[in-house]
Amino acid sequence: MRKKIFQNQQGFSLIELIVVVAVIGILIVVMIPKVGGAPDKAKLAGVKSDFLAIETAVRSHFLENSKLPKLDEINKSNLLDYELVAPSSTNNGDSVYKDPWNQPYSYNFKTDKEVEVSSSGPIGYEHMITVTFSIVEGRLKVAYKEDDDPT
């Protein structure tokens, strides 16, 4: 008597399982680079959102006083929920405005006509994200910059 080959087959054969695992492996290899960068992109969007809040505070102060705010003026203005710190500050407390990488935003009052706010970015100080406020011909100018080299 001949056996019927497929009569009592249950489950998958070894070859079918290997093919399924190989397909899943290929999908994972293809998708990881695309999904892996999403958190950093979201954090960069968070920095830009924070910079817009800081820009609003600086603009408000400029419109009221016709000058750029110094660090203590921006912190006392109650226009921001948290305090900004000087670039050399070691203050990292709960009251300090921090970027998505949990590093404080630095507020650098360079001159009466230029202020720079920066985030150290995802890689630290090798990847600065900066917004510069400057007064040019009596008007407030804003420039955003993302730089791999802060020098």
N, C-alpha and C. Protein backbone atom coordinates (compact mmCIF):
# COMPACT_ATOMS: atom_id res chain seq x y z
N MET A 1 0.83 -1.18 0.00
CA MET A 1 0.00 0.00 0.00
C MET A 1 0.87 1.24 0.00
N ARG A 2 0.36 2.15 -0.68
CA ARG A 2 1.07 3.44 -0.73
C ARG A 2 0.50 4.38 0.30
N LYS A 3 1.39 5.14 0.89
CA LYS A 3 0.95 6.17 1.84
C LYS A 3 0.59 7.41 1.06
N LYS A 4 -0.39 8.10 1.52
CA LYS A 4 -0.68 9.40 0.94
C LYS A 4 0.22 10.40 1.62
N ILE A 5 0.99 11.12 0.83
CA ILE A 5 2.04 11.98 1.36
C ILE A 5 1.49 13.12 2.21
N PHE A 6 0.45 13.76 1.79
CA PHE A 6 -0.02 14.96 2.47
C PHE A 6 -1.24 14.69 3.36
N GLN A 7 -1.56 13.47 3.59
CA GLN A 7 -2.79 13.15 4.29
C GLN A 7 -2.80 13.67 5.73
N ASN A 8 -1.79 13.48 6.49
CA ASN A 8 -1.79 13.87 7.90
C ASN A 8 -0.76 14.95 8.22
N GLN A 9 -0.43 15.77 7.26
CA GLN A 9 0.59 16.80 7.49
C GLN A 9 0.03 17.87 8.41
N GLN A 10 0.78 18.19 9.47
CA GLN A 10 0.40 19.24 10.40
C GLN A 10 1.56 20.21 10.54
N GLY A 11 1.24 21.52 10.58
CA GLY A 11 2.28 22.53 10.75
C GLY A 11 3.02 22.82 9.46
N PHE A 12 4.16 23.52 9.62
CA PHE A 12 4.95 23.95 8.48
C PHE A 12 6.19 23.08 8.35
N SER A 13 6.65 22.95 7.14
CA SER A 13 7.90 22.21 6.93
C SER A 13 9.07 23.11 7.33
N LEU A 14 10.22 22.51 7.48
CA LEU A 14 11.42 23.25 7.86
C LEU A 14 11.78 24.30 6.81
N ILE A 15 11.62 23.97 5.56
CA ILE A 15 11.94 24.93 4.49
C ILE A 15 11.00 26.13 4.55
N GLU A 16 9.73 25.90 4.78
CA GLU A 16 8.77 27.02 4.89
C GLU A 16 9.14 27.94 6.05
N LEU A 17 9.53 27.36 7.16
CA LEU A 17 9.93 28.17 8.32
C LEU A 17 11.19 28.97 8.02
N ILE A 18 12.16 28.38 7.35
CA ILE A 18 13.39 29.09 7.00
C ILE A 18 13.10 30.25 6.07
N VAL A 19 12.21 30.06 5.11
CA VAL A 19 11.85 31.13 4.17
C VAL A 19 11.19 32.28 4.92
N VAL A 20 10.28 31.98 5.82
CA VAL A 20 9.58 33.03 6.59
C VAL A 20 10.58 33.80 7.46
N VAL A 21 11.48 33.11 8.14
CA VAL A 21 12.48 33.78 8.98
C VAL A 21 13.40 34.64 8.12
N ALA A 22 13.78 34.16 6.95
CA ALA A 22 14.64 34.95 6.06
C ALA A 22 13.94 36.22 5.59
N VAL A 23 12.67 36.12 5.24
CA VAL A 23 11.92 37.31 4.80
C VAL A 23 11.80 38.31 5.94
N ILE A 24 11.51 37.85 7.13
CA ILE A 24 11.42 38.75 8.30
C ILE A 24 12.77 39.41 8.56
N GLY A 25 13.85 38.65 8.46
CA GLY A 25 15.19 39.21 8.65
C GLY A 25 15.52 40.29 7.64
N ILE A 26 15.15 40.06 6.38
CA ILE A 26 15.40 41.07 5.34
C ILE A 26 14.60 42.33 5.63
N LEU A 27 13.34 42.18 6.02
CA LEU A 27 12.51 43.35 6.36
C LEU A 27 13.11 44.15 7.52
N ILE A 28 13.60 43.46 8.52
CA ILE A 28 14.20 44.15 9.67
C ILE A 28 15.44 44.92 9.24
N VAL A 29 16.29 44.29 8.44
CA VAL A 29 17.52 44.95 7.99
C VAL A 29 17.20 46.19 7.16
N VAL A 30 16.15 46.13 6.36
CA VAL A 30 15.78 47.27 5.52
C VAL A 30 15.12 48.38 6.34
N MET A 31 14.33 48.05 7.34
CA MET A 31 13.55 49.04 8.07
C MET A 31 14.31 49.73 9.20
N ILE A 32 15.28 49.10 9.82
CA ILE A 32 15.97 49.69 10.97
C ILE A 32 16.60 51.04 10.65
N PRO A 33 17.33 51.21 9.56
CA PRO A 33 17.90 52.54 9.30
C PRO A 33 16.84 53.63 9.11
N LYS A 34 15.71 53.27 8.54
CA LYS A 34 14.65 54.26 8.31
C LYS A 34 13.97 54.66 9.60
N VAL A 35 13.75 53.71 10.48
CA VAL A 35 13.07 53.99 11.74
C VAL A 35 14.05 54.51 12.78
N GLY A 36 15.31 54.11 12.70
CA GLY A 36 16.30 54.48 13.70
C GLY A 36 16.54 55.97 13.83
N GLY A 37 16.43 56.74 12.75
CA GLY A 37 16.67 58.18 12.79
C GLY A 37 15.47 58.99 13.24
N ALA A 38 14.32 58.36 13.38
CA ALA A 38 13.10 59.09 13.73
C ALA A 38 13.18 59.79 15.08
N PRO A 39 13.70 59.17 16.14
CA PRO A 39 13.77 59.88 17.42
C PRO A 39 14.62 61.15 17.37
N ASP A 40 15.76 61.11 16.67
CA ASP A 40 16.60 62.31 16.56
C ASP A 40 15.90 63.40 15.77
N LYS A 41 15.16 63.03 14.73
CA LYS A 41 14.41 64.02 13.96
C LYS A 41 13.34 64.66 14.83
N ALA A 42 12.69 63.85 15.65
CA ALA A 42 11.67 64.39 16.55
C ALA A 42 12.30 65.33 17.58
N LYS A 43 13.48 64.98 18.07
CA LYS A 43 14.16 65.85 19.04
C LYS A 43 14.61 67.15 18.38
N LEU A 44 15.07 67.09 17.14
CA LEU A 44 15.44 68.31 16.43
C LEU A 44 14.22 69.21 16.23
N ALA A 45 13.08 68.60 15.97
CA ALA A 45 11.84 69.38 15.86
C ALA A 45 11.50 70.02 17.20
N GLY A 46 11.79 69.30 18.29
CA GLY A 46 11.58 69.86 19.63
C GLY A 46 12.46 71.07 19.89
N VAL A 47 13.71 71.01 19.44
CA VAL A 47 14.62 72.15 19.59
C VAL A 47 14.08 73.35 18.82
N LYS A 48 13.62 73.12 17.59
CA LYS A 48 13.08 74.21 16.79
C LYS A 48 11.86 74.82 17.45
N SER A 49 11.03 73.98 18.06
CA SER A 49 9.86 74.49 18.78
C SER A 49 10.28 75.33 19.99
N ASP A 50 11.28 74.85 20.73
CA ASP A 50 11.80 75.62 21.87
C ASP A 50 12.39 76.94 21.40
N PHE A 51 13.12 76.91 20.29
CA PHE A 51 13.70 78.14 19.75
C PHE A 51 12.62 79.14 19.36
N LEU A 52 11.48 78.65 18.87
CA LEU A 52 10.38 79.57 18.54
C LEU A 52 9.84 80.24 19.80
N ALA A 53 9.75 79.49 20.90
CA ALA A 53 9.31 80.08 22.17
C ALA A 53 10.32 81.13 22.64
N ILE A 54 11.60 80.82 22.53
CA ILE A 54 12.64 81.77 22.92
C ILE A 54 12.61 82.98 22.00
N GLU A 55 12.41 82.74 20.70
CA GLU A 55 12.33 83.84 19.75
C GLU A 55 11.16 84.77 20.10
N THR A 56 10.03 84.20 20.47
CA THR A 56 8.87 85.01 20.86
C THR A 56 9.21 85.88 22.06
N ALA A 57 9.91 85.31 23.04
CA ALA A 57 10.30 86.08 24.23
C ALA A 57 11.27 87.20 23.87
N VAL A 58 12.25 86.90 23.03
CA VAL A 58 13.23 87.92 22.63
C VAL A 58 12.55 89.02 21.82
N ARG A 59 11.67 88.64 20.90
CA ARG A 59 10.94 89.64 20.10
C ARG A 59 10.08 90.54 20.99
N SER A 60 9.40 89.93 21.94
CA SER A 60 8.55 90.71 22.85
C SER A 60 9.38 91.73 23.62
N HIS A 61 10.52 91.29 24.15
CA HIS A 61 11.40 92.20 24.88
C HIS A 61 11.92 93.30 23.95
N PHE A 62 12.30 92.92 22.74
CA PHE A 62 12.82 93.89 21.77
C PHE A 62 11.75 94.93 21.43
N LEU A 63 10.52 94.49 21.22
CA LEU A 63 9.45 95.44 20.87
C LEU A 63 9.15 96.41 22.02
N GLU A 64 9.25 95.93 23.25
CA GLU A 64 8.97 96.79 24.41
C GLU A 64 10.13 97.71 24.75
N ASN A 65 11.36 97.26 24.53
CA ASN A 65 12.54 98.00 25.01
C ASN A 65 13.49 98.46 23.91
N SER A 66 13.25 98.09 22.69
CA SER A 66 14.11 98.44 21.54
C SER A 66 15.56 97.98 21.72
N LYS A 67 15.74 96.88 22.43
CA LYS A 67 17.08 96.31 22.61
C LYS A 67 16.95 94.82 22.88
N LEU A 68 18.04 94.12 22.70
CA LEU A 68 18.06 92.69 22.99
C LEU A 68 18.17 92.48 24.50
N PRO A 69 17.49 91.47 25.03
CA PRO A 69 17.55 91.24 26.47
C PRO A 69 18.85 90.57 26.89
N LYS A 70 19.38 91.02 28.03
CA LYS A 70 20.51 90.32 28.64
C LYS A 70 19.94 89.09 29.33
N LEU A 71 20.82 88.21 29.76
CA LEU A 71 20.39 86.95 30.36
C LEU A 71 19.45 87.16 31.54
N ASP A 72 19.83 88.05 32.47
CA ASP A 72 18.97 88.26 33.64
C ASP A 72 17.63 88.89 33.24
N GLU A 73 17.62 89.71 32.20
CA GLU A 73 16.37 90.34 31.76
C GLU A 73 15.42 89.31 31.14
N ILE A 74 15.95 88.41 30.34
CA ILE A 74 15.08 87.39 29.73
C ILE A 74 14.55 86.44 30.79
N ASN A 75 15.37 86.13 31.80
CA ASN A 75 14.92 85.22 32.85
C ASN A 75 13.90 85.87 33.78
N LYS A 76 14.01 87.18 34.01
CA LYS A 76 13.07 87.89 34.89
C LYS A 76 11.79 88.32 34.18
N SER A 77 11.76 88.19 32.86
CA SER A 77 10.63 88.70 32.08
C SER A 77 9.36 87.85 32.22
N ASN A 78 9.47 86.64 32.73
CA ASN A 78 8.35 85.71 32.84
C ASN A 78 7.76 85.36 31.48
N LEU A 79 8.53 85.52 30.43
CA LEU A 79 8.07 85.16 29.09
C LEU A 79 8.38 83.70 28.77
N LEU A 80 9.26 83.10 29.53
CA LEU A 80 9.60 81.69 29.36
C LEU A 80 9.29 80.94 30.64
N ASP A 81 8.95 79.66 30.50
CA ASP A 81 8.63 78.85 31.67
C ASP A 81 9.86 78.44 32.47
N TYR A 82 11.02 78.43 31.81
CA TYR A 82 12.26 78.03 32.46
C TYR A 82 13.33 79.09 32.24
N GLU A 83 14.43 78.98 33.00
CA GLU A 83 15.52 79.94 32.87
C GLU A 83 16.54 79.47 31.84
N LEU A 84 17.09 80.43 31.13
CA LEU A 84 18.22 80.16 30.24
C LEU A 84 19.50 80.38 31.04
N VAL A 85 20.59 79.75 30.62
CA VAL A 85 21.86 79.88 31.35
C VAL A 85 22.96 80.38 30.43
N ALA A 86 24.01 80.91 31.04
CA ALA A 86 25.19 81.35 30.29
C ALA A 86 25.92 80.12 29.75
N PRO A 87 26.66 80.28 28.65
CA PRO A 87 27.36 79.13 28.05
C PRO A 87 28.29 78.40 29.01
N SER A 88 28.91 79.10 29.92
CA SER A 88 29.87 78.48 30.83
C SER A 88 29.22 77.96 32.12
N SER A 89 27.92 78.07 32.23
CA SER A 89 27.23 77.69 33.46
C SER A 89 27.23 76.17 33.67
N THR A 90 27.30 75.79 34.93
CA THR A 90 27.17 74.38 35.29
C THR A 90 25.80 74.10 35.88
N ASN A 91 24.93 75.12 35.92
CA ASN A 91 23.59 74.97 36.46
C ASN A 91 22.77 74.07 35.53
N ASN A 92 22.30 72.95 36.07
CA ASN A 92 21.51 72.02 35.28
C ASN A 92 20.28 71.59 36.08
N GLY A 93 19.78 72.50 36.92
CA GLY A 93 18.66 72.19 37.80
C GLY A 93 17.33 72.10 37.08
N ASP A 94 16.28 71.87 37.87
CA ASP A 94 14.94 71.71 37.32
C ASP A 94 14.39 72.99 36.72
N SER A 95 14.88 74.15 37.15
CA SER A 95 14.34 75.42 36.66
C SER A 95 14.99 75.86 35.34
N VAL A 96 15.96 75.09 34.85
CA VAL A 96 16.71 75.47 33.65
C VAL A 96 16.03 74.91 32.40
N TYR A 97 15.96 75.75 31.37
CA TYR A 97 15.38 75.36 30.08
C TYR A 97 16.34 74.38 29.40
N LYS A 98 15.88 73.13 29.16
CA LYS A 98 16.75 72.09 28.61
C LYS A 98 16.27 71.62 27.24
N ASP A 99 17.25 71.20 26.44
CA ASP A 99 16.92 70.65 25.13
C ASP A 99 16.47 69.19 25.28
N PRO A 100 16.02 68.56 24.21
CA PRO A 100 15.55 67.17 24.30
C PRO A 100 16.61 66.16 24.73
N TRP A 101 17.88 66.54 24.70
CA TRP A 101 18.96 65.66 25.16
C TRP A 101 19.32 65.95 26.61
N ASN A 102 18.45 66.71 27.28
CA ASN A 102 18.57 67.05 28.70
C ASN A 102 19.79 67.92 29.01
N GLN A 103 20.22 68.70 28.04
CA GLN A 103 21.31 69.66 28.24
C GLN A 103 20.71 71.07 28.24
N PRO A 104 21.23 71.97 29.07
CA PRO A 104 20.65 73.32 29.11
C PRO A 104 20.92 74.11 27.83
N TYR A 105 19.92 74.90 27.44
CA TYR A 105 20.14 75.85 26.34
C TYR A 105 21.04 76.95 26.88
N SER A 106 22.03 77.34 26.11
CA SER A 106 22.90 78.43 26.56
C SER A 106 22.48 79.73 25.88
N TYR A 107 22.52 80.81 26.65
CA TYR A 107 22.13 82.14 26.18
C TYR A 107 23.37 83.00 26.24
N ASN A 108 23.90 83.36 25.08
CA ASN A 108 25.15 84.11 25.01
C ASN A 108 24.88 85.53 24.51
N PHE A 109 24.91 86.50 25.43
CA PHE A 109 24.73 87.91 25.07
C PHE A 109 26.08 88.41 24.60
N LYS A 110 26.30 88.36 23.28
CA LYS A 110 27.61 88.71 22.72
C LYS A 110 27.86 90.21 22.74
N THR A 111 26.91 90.98 22.20
CA THR A 111 27.01 92.44 22.19
C THR A 111 25.60 93.00 22.36
N ASP A 112 25.49 94.32 22.41
CA ASP A 112 24.17 94.93 22.49
C ASP A 112 23.33 94.63 21.24
N LYS A 113 23.99 94.18 20.19
CA LYS A 113 23.29 93.94 18.93
C LYS A 113 23.27 92.48 18.51
N GLU A 114 23.76 91.58 19.37
CA GLU A 114 23.76 90.17 18.99
C GLU A 114 23.66 89.25 20.21
N VAL A 115 22.73 88.31 20.11
CA VAL A 115 22.53 87.29 21.14
C VAL A 115 22.46 85.94 20.43
N GLU A 116 23.06 84.93 21.06
CA GLU A 116 23.05 83.59 20.48
C GLU A 116 22.52 82.60 21.50
N VAL A 117 21.56 81.80 21.08
CA VAL A 117 21.02 80.73 21.92
C VAL A 117 21.37 79.42 21.24
N SER A 118 21.90 78.46 22.01
CA SER A 118 22.32 77.21 21.37
C SER A 118 21.97 75.98 22.19
N SER A 119 21.83 74.89 21.45
CA SER A 119 21.65 73.56 22.01
C SER A 119 22.87 72.76 21.58
N SER A 120 23.36 71.91 22.46
CA SER A 120 24.54 71.13 22.10
C SER A 120 24.22 70.05 21.08
N GLY A 121 22.96 69.76 20.85
CA GLY A 121 22.56 68.82 19.81
C GLY A 121 22.73 67.37 20.20
N PRO A 122 22.46 66.46 19.26
CA PRO A 122 22.45 65.04 19.57
C PRO A 122 23.82 64.43 19.84
N ILE A 123 24.89 65.06 19.39
CA ILE A 123 26.23 64.48 19.53
C ILE A 123 27.07 65.29 20.51
N GLY A 124 26.49 66.25 21.15
CA GLY A 124 27.26 67.11 22.05
C GLY A 124 27.73 68.34 21.31
N TYR A 125 28.79 68.95 21.80
CA TYR A 125 29.24 70.23 21.25
C TYR A 125 29.83 70.11 19.85
N GLU A 126 29.93 68.89 19.33
CA GLU A 126 30.39 68.72 17.95
C GLU A 126 29.26 69.01 16.97
N HIS A 127 28.03 69.12 17.45
CA HIS A 127 26.88 69.30 16.56
C HIS A 127 25.95 70.35 17.17
N MET A 128 26.33 71.60 17.08
CA MET A 128 25.56 72.68 17.68
C MET A 128 24.34 73.04 16.83
N ILE A 129 23.27 73.40 17.51
CA ILE A 129 22.08 73.94 16.87
C ILE A 129 21.89 75.32 17.48
N THR A 130 21.87 76.36 16.66
CA THR A 130 21.95 77.72 17.16
C THR A 130 20.91 78.61 16.51
N VAL A 131 20.39 79.55 17.30
CA VAL A 131 19.60 80.64 16.75
C VAL A 131 20.30 81.93 17.18
N THR A 132 20.49 82.83 16.23
CA THR A 132 21.16 84.10 16.50
C THR A 132 20.18 85.24 16.28
N PHE A 133 20.09 86.11 17.27
CA PHE A 133 19.26 87.31 17.17
C PHE A 133 20.20 88.49 17.01
N SER A 134 19.95 89.32 16.02
CA SER A 134 20.80 90.49 15.84
C SER A 134 19.94 91.68 15.42
N ILE A 135 20.43 92.86 15.77
CA ILE A 135 19.76 94.09 15.38
C ILE A 135 20.51 94.65 14.18
N VAL A 136 19.81 94.76 13.07
CA VAL A 136 20.39 95.29 11.84
C VAL A 136 19.47 96.41 11.36
N GLU A 137 20.02 97.62 11.29
CA GLU A 137 19.27 98.80 10.86
C GLU A 137 17.98 98.96 11.67
N GLY A 138 18.09 98.74 12.97
CA GLY A 138 16.95 98.94 13.86
C GLY A 138 15.92 97.83 13.86
N ARG A 139 16.17 96.77 13.11
CA ARG A 139 15.22 95.66 13.04
C ARG A 139 15.85 94.40 13.61
N LEU A 140 15.00 93.55 14.18
CA LEU A 140 15.47 92.29 14.74
C LEU A 140 15.55 91.24 13.64
N LYS A 141 16.72 90.66 13.48
CA LYS A 141 16.94 89.59 12.50
C LYS A 141 17.18 88.30 13.26
N VAL A 142 16.65 87.21 12.72
CA VAL A 142 16.79 85.90 13.36
C VAL A 142 17.38 84.93 12.34
N ALA A 143 18.41 84.20 12.76
CA ALA A 143 19.05 83.22 11.88
C ALA A 143 19.22 81.90 12.62
N TYR A 144 18.76 80.84 12.01
CA TYR A 144 18.91 79.50 12.57
C TYR A 144 20.06 78.80 11.87
N LYS A 145 20.82 77.99 12.64
CA LYS A 145 21.96 77.30 12.06
C LYS A 145 22.14 75.96 12.75
N GLU A 146 22.36 74.94 11.94
CA GLU A 146 22.70 73.62 12.46
C GLU A 146 24.08 73.31 11.93
N ASP A 147 25.04 73.10 12.83
CA ASP A 147 26.43 73.04 12.42
C ASP A 147 27.12 71.84 13.05
N ASP A 148 27.88 71.10 12.24
CA ASP A 148 28.67 69.99 12.77
C ASP A 148 29.93 70.46 13.47
N ASP A 149 30.35 71.70 13.19
CA ASP A 149 31.57 72.24 13.78
C ASP A 149 31.27 73.63 14.33
N PRO A 150 31.21 73.82 15.66
CA PRO A 150 30.83 75.10 16.24
C PRO A 150 31.84 76.21 16.06
N THR A 151 33.02 75.94 15.53
CA THR A 151 34.03 76.98 15.39
C THR A 151 33.79 77.85 14.19
